Amino acid sequence: MRSLLYIVAVILVIGWAIGTFAYAAGGLIHVLLVIAIISLILGFLRRDTTVV
């Protein structure tokens, strides 16, 4: 019976960790999108100045 409770506890902790990461990843995805857009803009600006 103790091993069954241990397995249930481990599953709940893993589920909690995945849920916390998924919730935090929502904000992380937006941050990564902003960084990607900024890098694209900087790439276009730097390419335009080197072509001239």
C-alpha atoms as a PDB file:
ATOM      1  CA  MET A   1       0.000   0.000   0.000  1.00  0.00           C
ATOM      2  CA  ARG A   2       2.873   2.385   0.711  1.00  0.00           C
ATOM      3  CA  SER A   3       4.308   1.913  -2.766  1.00  0.00           C
ATOM      4  CA  LEU A   4       0.916   2.689  -4.299  1.00  0.00           C
ATOM      5  CA  LEU A   5       0.700   5.940  -2.321  1.00  0.00           C
ATOM      6  CA  TYR A   6       4.268   6.736  -3.323  1.00  0.00           C
ATOM      7  CA  ILE A   7       3.428   6.218  -7.017  1.00  0.00           C
ATOM      8  CA  VAL A   8       0.304   8.397  -6.722  1.00  0.00           C
ATOM      9  CA  ALA A   9       2.336  11.120  -4.978  1.00  0.00           C
ATOM     10  CA  VAL A  10       5.019  11.042  -7.686  1.00  0.00           C
ATOM     11  CA  ILE A  11       2.397  11.230 -10.437  1.00  0.00           C
ATOM     12  CA  LEU A  12       0.728  14.205  -8.751  1.00  0.00           C
ATOM     13  CA  VAL A  13       4.044  16.030  -8.328  1.00  0.00           C
ATOM     14  CA  ILE A  14       4.954  15.411 -11.974  1.00  0.00           C
ATOM     15  CA  GLY A  15       1.506  16.631 -13.063  1.00  0.00           C
ATOM     16  CA  TRP A  16       1.890  19.726 -10.910  1.00  0.00           C
ATOM     17  CA  ALA A  17       5.329  20.453 -12.416  1.00  0.00           C
ATOM     18  CA  ILE A  18       4.025  20.021 -15.960  1.00  0.00           C
ATOM     19  CA  GLY A  19       1.040  22.264 -15.230  1.00  0.00           C
ATOM     20  CA  THR A  20       3.266  24.952 -13.732  1.00  0.00           C
ATOM     21  CA  PHE A  21       5.623  24.801 -16.706  1.00  0.00           C
ATOM     22  CA  ALA A  22       2.743  24.913 -19.203  1.00  0.00           C
ATOM     23  CA  TYR A  23       1.288  27.967 -17.455  1.00  0.00           C
ATOM     24  CA  ALA A  24       4.676  29.707 -17.417  1.00  0.00           C
ATOM     25  CA  ALA A  25       5.353  28.655 -21.023  1.00  0.00           C
ATOM     26  CA  GLY A  26       2.378  30.732 -22.185  1.00  0.00           C
ATOM     27  CA  GLY A  27       4.206  33.880 -21.134  1.00  0.00           C
ATOM     28  CA  LEU A  28       7.496  32.474 -22.373  1.00  0.00           C
ATOM     29  CA  ILE A  29       6.067  31.946 -25.858  1.00  0.00           C
ATOM     30  CA  HIS A  30       5.057  35.607 -26.047  1.00  0.00           C
ATOM     31  CA  VAL A  31       8.506  36.717 -24.913  1.00  0.00           C
ATOM     32  CA  LEU A  32      10.140  34.497 -27.537  1.00  0.00           C
ATOM     33  CA  LEU A  33       7.846  35.899 -30.232  1.00  0.00           C
ATOM     34  CA  VAL A  34       8.794  39.465 -29.286  1.00  0.00           C
ATOM     35  CA  ILE A  35      12.502  38.571 -29.352  1.00  0.00           C
ATOM     36  CA  ALA A  36      12.072  36.916 -32.756  1.00  0.00           C
ATOM     37  CA  ILE A  37      10.303  39.968 -34.194  1.00  0.00           C
ATOM     38  CA  ILE A  38      12.974  42.307 -32.825  1.00  0.00           C
ATOM     39  CA  SER A  39      15.744  40.148 -34.281  1.00  0.00           C
ATOM     40  CA  LEU A  40      14.005  40.112 -37.674  1.00  0.00           C
ATOM     41  CA  ILE A  41      13.682  43.897 -37.644  1.00  0.00           C
ATOM     42  CA  LEU A  42      17.337  44.285 -36.649  1.00  0.00           C
ATOM     43  CA  GLY A  43      18.325  41.827 -39.379  1.00  0.00           C
ATOM     44  CA  PHE A  44      16.464  43.843 -42.006  1.00  0.00           C
ATOM     45  CA  LEU A  45      17.950  47.114 -40.774  1.00  0.00           C
ATOM     46  CA  ARG A  46      21.500  45.775 -40.742  1.00  0.00           C
ATOM     47  CA  ARG A  47      21.095  44.210 -44.185  1.00  0.00           C
ATOM     48  CA  ASP A  48      19.790  47.488 -45.627  1.00  0.00           C
ATOM     49  CA  THR A  49      22.724  49.495 -44.250  1.00  0.00           C
ATOM     50  CA  THR A  50      25.335  47.038 -45.566  1.00  0.00           C
ATOM     51  CA  VAL A  51      23.842  46.940 -49.079  1.00  0.00           C
ATOM     52  CA  VAL A  52      24.197  50.696 -49.487  1.00  0.00           C
END
